[in-house]
């Protein structure tokens, strides 16, 4: 049965609702090929990519629409999407996180997908990404932030599991005994991991202002980031 591009997007969204994460976005197709859909995904698992290829091959046989899946990886997907947009060949669908999706919405790079969202059964209001009165993405799953704690260490200090930010700060301060143990360790994100890191163990701020360590840390991060991001 013939299927137009918009119908494909609806079909893909329904099929992906139980499998994809965290966001599916549909781009405004400027000068797009009628029988071709470009889908840029964060997926990096070779087995999952192989499944994509099989599904898309069958889909092309049935509809005549070719689905080209690009998998630049989590670290490179933003750059790849930006490159395609700049070249005037934006992808129709991008698998992105909500924050990344909002950035593109603010740049007016996302189409209104309200009809697609309605066709897939809608979603809770707190999961919608609405910009200028229109839905700009299709949420397909949720992510949760969670943590672990050492109950024995908390018990020794007569502390309960934190339920608020104040509780967290109180526990971090009570458990901190440098250099033997630190009450709070903040892992580096992707950028920090790429540029390396330096451990600063003393107090970062005080009543009289930022400590020398804090200033040194900021200078180190600026230098490291500048070096890593320079051409």
C-alpha atoms as a PDB file:
ATOM      1  CA  UNK A   1       0.000   0.000   0.000  1.00  0.00           C
ATOM      2  CA  UNK A   2       1.462   3.392  -0.961  1.00  0.00           C
ATOM      3  CA  UNK A   3       2.488   5.506   2.010  1.00  0.00           C
ATOM      4  CA  UNK A   4       3.387   9.164   2.073  1.00  0.00           C
ATOM      5  CA  UNK A   5       6.145  10.632   4.233  1.00  0.00           C
ATOM      6  CA  UNK A   6       3.804  11.861   6.979  1.00  0.00           C
ATOM      7  CA  UNK A   7       2.121   8.474   7.221  1.00  0.00           C
ATOM      8  CA  UNK A   8       5.541   6.896   7.562  1.00  0.00           C
ATOM      9  CA  UNK A   9       6.380   9.167  10.463  1.00  0.00           C
ATOM     10  CA  UNK A  10       3.153   8.173  12.223  1.00  0.00           C
ATOM     11  CA  UNK A  11       3.847   4.494  11.613  1.00  0.00           C
ATOM     12  CA  UNK A  12       7.436   4.819  12.818  1.00  0.00           C
ATOM     13  CA  UNK A  13       6.354   6.645  15.948  1.00  0.00           C
ATOM     14  CA  UNK A  14       3.815   3.982  16.849  1.00  0.00           C
ATOM     15  CA  UNK A  15       6.338   1.202  16.253  1.00  0.00           C
ATOM     16  CA  UNK A  16       9.003   3.017  18.201  1.00  0.00           C
ATOM     17  CA  UNK A  17       6.900   4.030  21.169  1.00  0.00           C
ATOM     18  CA  UNK A  18       7.786   0.881  23.060  1.00  0.00           C
ATOM     19  CA  UNK A  19      11.338   0.557  21.887  1.00  0.00           C
ATOM     20  CA  UNK A  20      13.039   3.899  21.351  1.00  0.00           C
ATOM     21  CA  UNK A  21      14.398   6.362  23.858  1.00  0.00           C
ATOM     22  CA  UNK A  22      14.417   9.105  24.826  1.00  0.00           C
ATOM     23  CA  UNK A  23      12.893  11.329  22.106  1.00  0.00           C
ATOM     24  CA  UNK A  24      11.889  11.022  18.478  1.00  0.00           C
ATOM     25  CA  UNK A  25      11.785  14.319  16.642  1.00  0.00           C
ATOM     26  CA  UNK A  26      10.550  15.130  13.171  1.00  0.00           C
ATOM     27  CA  UNK A  27      12.305  17.859  11.250  1.00  0.00           C
ATOM     28  CA  UNK A  28      10.769  20.255   8.820  1.00  0.00           C
ATOM     29  CA  UNK A  29      11.755  18.677   5.515  1.00  0.00           C
ATOM     30  CA  UNK A  30      13.172  21.410   3.294  1.00  0.00           C
ATOM     31  CA  UNK A  31      13.735  20.102  -0.171  1.00  0.00           C
ATOM     32  CA  UNK A  32      13.595  16.519   1.076  1.00  0.00           C
ATOM     33  CA  UNK A  33      13.418  13.603  -1.348  1.00  0.00           C
ATOM     34  CA  UNK A  34       9.897  12.257  -1.677  1.00  0.00           C
ATOM     35  CA  UNK A  35      10.773   8.602  -1.176  1.00  0.00           C
ATOM     36  CA  UNK A  36      13.615   8.929   1.308  1.00  0.00           C
ATOM     37  CA  UNK A  37      13.618   9.458   5.075  1.00  0.00           C
ATOM     38  CA  UNK A  38      16.819  10.141   7.015  1.00  0.00           C
ATOM     39  CA  UNK A  39      16.805   8.955  10.626  1.00  0.00           C
ATOM     40  CA  UNK A  40      19.770   9.975  12.802  1.00  0.00           C
ATOM     41  CA  UNK A  41      20.033   7.850  15.927  1.00  0.00           C
ATOM     42  CA  UNK A  42      22.189   7.685  19.047  1.00  0.00           C
ATOM     43  CA  UNK A  43      22.115   3.896  18.759  1.00  0.00           C
ATOM     44  CA  UNK A  44      25.577   2.326  18.889  1.00  0.00           C
ATOM     45  CA  UNK A  45      24.831  -1.367  19.440  1.00  0.00           C
ATOM     46  CA  UNK A  46      25.791  -3.271  16.237  1.00  0.00           C
ATOM     47  CA  UNK A  47      23.028  -5.839  16.801  1.00  0.00           C
ATOM     48  CA  UNK A  48      20.389  -3.137  17.149  1.00  0.00           C
ATOM     49  CA  UNK A  49      21.683  -1.379  14.039  1.00  0.00           C
ATOM     50  CA  UNK A  50      21.477  -4.668  12.124  1.00  0.00           C
ATOM     51  CA  UNK A  51      17.821  -4.979  13.160  1.00  0.00           C
ATOM     52  CA  UNK A  52      17.195  -1.438  11.901  1.00  0.00           C
ATOM     53  CA  UNK A  53      18.664  -2.413   8.542  1.00  0.00           C
ATOM     54  CA  UNK A  54      16.429  -5.488   8.204  1.00  0.00           C
ATOM     55  CA  UNK A  55      13.291  -3.586   9.165  1.00  0.00           C
ATOM     56  CA  UNK A  56      14.088  -0.773   6.769  1.00  0.00           C
ATOM     57  CA  UNK A  57      14.797  -3.180   3.901  1.00  0.00           C
ATOM     58  CA  UNK A  58      11.390  -4.803   4.360  1.00  0.00           C
ATOM     59  CA  UNK A  59       9.734  -1.406   4.681  1.00  0.00           C
ATOM     60  CA  UNK A  60      11.227  -0.220   1.402  1.00  0.00           C
ATOM     61  CA  UNK A  61       9.931  -3.347  -0.384  1.00  0.00           C
ATOM     62  CA  UNK A  62       6.411  -2.697   0.914  1.00  0.00           C
ATOM     63  CA  UNK A  63       6.212   1.096   0.514  1.00  0.00           C
ATOM     64  CA  UNK A  64       8.960   2.191  -1.838  1.00  0.00           C
ATOM     65  CA  UNK A  65      10.240   4.568   0.842  1.00  0.00           C
ATOM     66  CA  UNK A  66      13.919   4.250   1.719  1.00  0.00           C
ATOM     67  CA  UNK A  67      14.837   4.838   5.368  1.00  0.00           C
ATOM     68  CA  UNK A  68      18.467   5.770   5.790  1.00  0.00           C
ATOM     69  CA  UNK A  69      19.640   5.341   9.363  1.00  0.00           C
ATOM     70  CA  UNK A  70      22.747   7.205  10.456  1.00  0.00           C
ATOM     71  CA  UNK A  71      24.406   6.206  13.735  1.00  0.00           C
ATOM     72  CA  UNK A  72      27.157   8.728  14.514  1.00  0.00           C
ATOM     73  CA  UNK A  73      27.132   7.766  18.196  1.00  0.00           C
ATOM     74  CA  UNK A  74      26.212   9.732  21.305  1.00  0.00           C
ATOM     75  CA  UNK A  75      29.354  11.875  21.270  1.00  0.00           C
ATOM     76  CA  UNK A  76      28.956  12.937  17.631  1.00  0.00           C
ATOM     77  CA  UNK A  77      25.223  13.075  16.987  1.00  0.00           C
ATOM     78  CA  UNK A  78      24.803  16.789  17.755  1.00  0.00           C
ATOM     79  CA  UNK A  79      27.631  17.691  15.369  1.00  0.00           C
ATOM     80  CA  UNK A  80      26.209  15.432  12.654  1.00  0.00           C
ATOM     81  CA  UNK A  81      22.720  16.924  12.936  1.00  0.00           C
ATOM     82  CA  UNK A  82      24.151  20.450  12.834  1.00  0.00           C
ATOM     83  CA  UNK A  83      26.185  19.549   9.745  1.00  0.00           C
ATOM     84  CA  UNK A  84      23.127  18.195   7.914  1.00  0.00           C
ATOM     85  CA  UNK A  85      21.094  21.283   8.779  1.00  0.00           C
ATOM     86  CA  UNK A  86      23.863  23.611   7.629  1.00  0.00           C
ATOM     87  CA  UNK A  87      24.138  21.677   4.354  1.00  0.00           C
ATOM     88  CA  UNK A  88      20.422  22.158   3.679  1.00  0.00           C
ATOM     89  CA  UNK A  89      19.712  18.431   4.006  1.00  0.00           C
ATOM     90  CA  UNK A  90      18.225  18.139   7.516  1.00  0.00           C
ATOM     91  CA  UNK A  91      17.158  14.703   8.758  1.00  0.00           C
ATOM     92  CA  UNK A  92      13.451  13.974   9.026  1.00  0.00           C
ATOM     93  CA  UNK A  93      13.763  12.102  12.327  1.00  0.00           C
ATOM     94  CA  UNK A  94      16.313  12.441  15.110  1.00  0.00           C
ATOM     95  CA  UNK A  95      16.547  10.318  18.248  1.00  0.00           C
ATOM     96  CA  UNK A  96      17.514  12.852  20.881  1.00  0.00           C
ATOM     97  CA  UNK A  97      17.217  13.689  24.550  1.00  0.00           C
ATOM     98  CA  UNK A  98      14.661  16.271  25.671  1.00  0.00           C
ATOM     99  CA  UNK A  99      17.288  18.928  26.353  1.00  0.00           C
ATOM    100  CA  UNK A 100      18.864  18.559  22.923  1.00  0.00           C
ATOM    101  CA  UNK A 101      15.418  18.597  21.331  1.00  0.00           C
ATOM    102  CA  UNK A 102      14.532  21.861  23.064  1.00  0.00           C
ATOM    103  CA  UNK A 103      17.734  23.465  21.794  1.00  0.00           C
ATOM    104  CA  UNK A 104      16.704  22.678  18.222  1.00  0.00           C
ATOM    105  CA  UNK A 105      13.147  23.871  18.900  1.00  0.00           C
ATOM    106  CA  UNK A 106      14.495  27.224  20.098  1.00  0.00           C
ATOM    107  CA  UNK A 107      16.374  27.453  16.803  1.00  0.00           C
ATOM    108  CA  UNK A 108      13.102  26.815  14.927  1.00  0.00           C
ATOM    109  CA  UNK A 109      14.458  23.563  13.525  1.00  0.00           C
ATOM    110  CA  UNK A 110      11.570  21.309  14.586  1.00  0.00           C
ATOM    111  CA  UNK A 111       8.268  20.764  12.839  1.00  0.00           C
ATOM    112  CA  UNK A 112       4.855  20.664  14.516  1.00  0.00           C
ATOM    113  CA  UNK A 113       4.226  16.974  15.229  1.00  0.00           C
ATOM    114  CA  UNK A 114       0.915  17.379  17.030  1.00  0.00           C
ATOM    115  CA  UNK A 115      -0.885  15.185  14.495  1.00  0.00           C
ATOM    116  CA  UNK A 116       1.725  12.440  14.935  1.00  0.00           C
ATOM    117  CA  UNK A 117       1.437  12.645  18.699  1.00  0.00           C
ATOM    118  CA  UNK A 118      -2.360  12.391  18.458  1.00  0.00           C
ATOM    119  CA  UNK A 119      -2.106   9.393  16.125  1.00  0.00           C
ATOM    120  CA  UNK A 120       0.065   7.576  18.658  1.00  0.00           C
ATOM    121  CA  UNK A 121      -2.406   8.082  21.502  1.00  0.00           C
ATOM    122  CA  UNK A 122      -1.042  11.305  22.969  1.00  0.00           C
ATOM    123  CA  UNK A 123       1.062  11.658  26.106  1.00  0.00           C
ATOM    124  CA  UNK A 124       0.985  13.236  29.557  1.00  0.00           C
ATOM    125  CA  UNK A 125       1.289  17.016  29.588  1.00  0.00           C
ATOM    126  CA  UNK A 126       4.460  16.923  31.670  1.00  0.00           C
ATOM    127  CA  UNK A 127       6.171  14.848  28.969  1.00  0.00           C
ATOM    128  CA  UNK A 128       5.301  17.116  26.059  1.00  0.00           C
ATOM    129  CA  UNK A 129       7.822  19.449  24.478  1.00  0.00           C
ATOM    130  CA  UNK A 130       5.703  22.442  23.447  1.00  0.00           C
ATOM    131  CA  UNK A 131       7.228  25.469  21.743  1.00  0.00           C
ATOM    132  CA  UNK A 132       5.261  28.330  20.185  1.00  0.00           C
ATOM    133  CA  UNK A 133       2.040  26.481  20.911  1.00  0.00           C
ATOM    134  CA  UNK A 134       2.975  23.288  19.061  1.00  0.00           C
ATOM    135  CA  UNK A 135       4.323  19.869  20.008  1.00  0.00           C
ATOM    136  CA  UNK A 136       7.883  19.576  18.753  1.00  0.00           C
ATOM    137  CA  UNK A 137       8.844  16.027  19.734  1.00  0.00           C
ATOM    138  CA  UNK A 138       7.430  12.599  20.453  1.00  0.00           C
ATOM    139  CA  UNK A 139       8.458  11.205  23.855  1.00  0.00           C
ATOM    140  CA  UNK A 140       8.964   7.464  23.836  1.00  0.00           C
ATOM    141  CA  UNK A 141      10.303   6.716  27.309  1.00  0.00           C
ATOM    142  CA  UNK A 142      11.375   8.294  30.571  1.00  0.00           C
ATOM    143  CA  UNK A 143      14.681   8.352  32.372  1.00  0.00           C
ATOM    144  CA  UNK A 144      15.110   8.373  36.114  1.00  0.00           C
ATOM    145  CA  UNK A 145      17.830   9.738  38.349  1.00  0.00           C
ATOM    146  CA  UNK A 146      18.753   7.483  41.228  1.00  0.00           C
ATOM    147  CA  UNK A 147      21.631   6.804  43.561  1.00  0.00           C
ATOM    148  CA  UNK A 148      23.116   4.373  46.049  1.00  0.00           C
ATOM    149  CA  UNK A 149      24.393   4.991  49.534  1.00  0.00           C
ATOM    150  CA  UNK A 150      26.358   3.029  52.147  1.00  0.00           C
ATOM    151  CA  UNK A 151      23.829   2.293  54.898  1.00  0.00           C
ATOM    152  CA  UNK A 152      26.568   1.229  57.296  1.00  0.00           C
ATOM    153  CA  UNK A 153      28.338   4.568  56.938  1.00  0.00           C
ATOM    154  CA  UNK A 154      25.092   6.485  57.331  1.00  0.00           C
ATOM    155  CA  UNK A 155      24.155   4.447  60.414  1.00  0.00           C
ATOM    156  CA  UNK A 156      27.538   5.141  61.985  1.00  0.00           C
ATOM    157  CA  UNK A 157      26.857   8.885  61.690  1.00  0.00           C
ATOM    158  CA  UNK A 158      23.180   8.471  62.678  1.00  0.00           C
ATOM    159  CA  UNK A 159      22.099   9.736  59.278  1.00  0.00           C
ATOM    160  CA  UNK A 160      19.023   8.800  57.265  1.00  0.00           C
ATOM    161  CA  UNK A 161      18.869   8.450  53.506  1.00  0.00           C
ATOM    162  CA  UNK A 162      18.618  11.975  52.041  1.00  0.00           C
ATOM    163  CA  UNK A 163      15.149  13.071  50.959  1.00  0.00           C
ATOM    164  CA  UNK A 164      16.005  16.654  50.124  1.00  0.00           C
ATOM    165  CA  UNK A 165      18.921  18.720  48.918  1.00  0.00           C
ATOM    166  CA  UNK A 166      19.536  19.963  52.452  1.00  0.00           C
ATOM    167  CA  UNK A 167      19.657  16.357  53.693  1.00  0.00           C
ATOM    168  CA  UNK A 168      22.151  15.535  50.959  1.00  0.00           C
ATOM    169  CA  UNK A 169      24.442  18.429  51.907  1.00  0.00           C
ATOM    170  CA  UNK A 170      24.208  17.535  55.585  1.00  0.00           C
ATOM    171  CA  UNK A 171      25.183  13.921  54.891  1.00  0.00           C
ATOM    172  CA  UNK A 172      28.027  14.922  52.568  1.00  0.00           C
ATOM    173  CA  UNK A 173      29.491  17.205  55.222  1.00  0.00           C
ATOM    174  CA  UNK A 174      29.110  14.639  58.019  1.00  0.00           C
ATOM    175  CA  UNK A 175      30.695  11.835  56.006  1.00  0.00           C
ATOM    176  CA  UNK A 176      33.581  13.878  54.648  1.00  0.00           C
ATOM    177  CA  UNK A 177      36.935  12.951  56.205  1.00  0.00           C
ATOM    178  CA  UNK A 178      39.610  13.844  53.633  1.00  0.00           C
ATOM    179  CA  UNK A 179      41.848  12.389  52.453  1.00  0.00           C
ATOM    180  CA  UNK A 180      40.458   9.107  53.787  1.00  0.00           C
ATOM    181  CA  UNK A 181      36.899   9.608  52.550  1.00  0.00           C
ATOM    182  CA  UNK A 182      34.869  12.266  50.790  1.00  0.00           C
ATOM    183  CA  UNK A 183      31.210  12.819  51.522  1.00  0.00           C
ATOM    184  CA  UNK A 184      30.426  13.685  47.924  1.00  0.00           C
ATOM    185  CA  UNK A 185      32.208  12.853  44.683  1.00  0.00           C
ATOM    186  CA  UNK A 186      30.883  14.388  41.462  1.00  0.00           C
ATOM    187  CA  UNK A 187      31.790  12.273  38.420  1.00  0.00           C
ATOM    188  CA  UNK A 188      32.803  14.091  35.263  1.00  0.00           C
ATOM    189  CA  UNK A 189      30.371  14.195  32.389  1.00  0.00           C
ATOM    190  CA  UNK A 190      31.332  13.311  28.818  1.00  0.00           C
ATOM    191  CA  UNK A 191      33.307  16.518  28.286  1.00  0.00           C
ATOM    192  CA  UNK A 192      35.204  16.148  31.540  1.00  0.00           C
ATOM    193  CA  UNK A 193      36.058  12.565  30.741  1.00  0.00           C
ATOM    194  CA  UNK A 194      37.446  13.609  27.377  1.00  0.00           C
ATOM    195  CA  UNK A 195      39.690  16.356  28.651  1.00  0.00           C
ATOM    196  CA  UNK A 196      40.856  14.649  31.829  1.00  0.00           C
ATOM    197  CA  UNK A 197      40.387  15.864  35.375  1.00  0.00           C
ATOM    198  CA  UNK A 198      42.175  17.033  38.469  1.00  0.00           C
ATOM    199  CA  UNK A 199      41.040  16.229  42.015  1.00  0.00           C
ATOM    200  CA  UNK A 200      40.694  19.196  44.338  1.00  0.00           C
ATOM    201  CA  UNK A 201      40.074  17.983  47.851  1.00  0.00           C
ATOM    202  CA  UNK A 202      39.809  20.985  50.153  1.00  0.00           C
ATOM    203  CA  UNK A 203      36.857  23.309  50.677  1.00  0.00           C
ATOM    204  CA  UNK A 204      35.813  25.071  47.492  1.00  0.00           C
ATOM    205  CA  UNK A 205      34.044  28.020  49.082  1.00  0.00           C
ATOM    206  CA  UNK A 206      34.166  29.757  52.419  1.00  0.00           C
ATOM    207  CA  UNK A 207      32.610  32.611  54.330  1.00  0.00           C
ATOM    208  CA  UNK A 208      35.120  35.047  52.871  1.00  0.00           C
ATOM    209  CA  UNK A 209      34.622  33.927  49.303  1.00  0.00           C
ATOM    210  CA  UNK A 210      36.010  31.414  46.877  1.00  0.00           C
ATOM    211  CA  UNK A 211      39.029  29.504  48.098  1.00  0.00           C
ATOM    212  CA  UNK A 212      42.290  29.341  46.080  1.00  0.00           C
ATOM    213  CA  UNK A 213      41.441  25.734  45.207  1.00  0.00           C
ATOM    214  CA  UNK A 214      38.137  26.743  43.617  1.00  0.00           C
ATOM    215  CA  UNK A 215      39.851  29.410  41.527  1.00  0.00           C
ATOM    216  CA  UNK A 216      42.527  26.910  40.476  1.00  0.00           C
ATOM    217  CA  UNK A 217      39.865  24.382  39.511  1.00  0.00           C
ATOM    218  CA  UNK A 218      37.983  26.891  37.358  1.00  0.00           C
ATOM    219  CA  UNK A 219      41.192  27.938  35.617  1.00  0.00           C
ATOM    220  CA  UNK A 220      42.113  24.303  35.032  1.00  0.00           C
ATOM    221  CA  UNK A 221      38.697  23.504  33.533  1.00  0.00           C
ATOM    222  CA  UNK A 222      38.759  26.546  31.260  1.00  0.00           C
ATOM    223  CA  UNK A 223      42.235  25.672  30.016  1.00  0.00           C
ATOM    224  CA  UNK A 224      41.341  22.015  29.521  1.00  0.00           C
ATOM    225  CA  UNK A 225      38.097  22.779  27.684  1.00  0.00           C
ATOM    226  CA  UNK A 226      39.744  25.410  25.491  1.00  0.00           C
ATOM    227  CA  UNK A 227      42.472  22.953  24.542  1.00  0.00           C
ATOM    228  CA  UNK A 228      40.006  20.124  23.853  1.00  0.00           C
ATOM    229  CA  UNK A 229      37.631  22.202  21.744  1.00  0.00           C
ATOM    230  CA  UNK A 230      40.212  24.122  19.725  1.00  0.00           C
ATOM    231  CA  UNK A 231      40.598  23.075  16.035  1.00  0.00           C
END
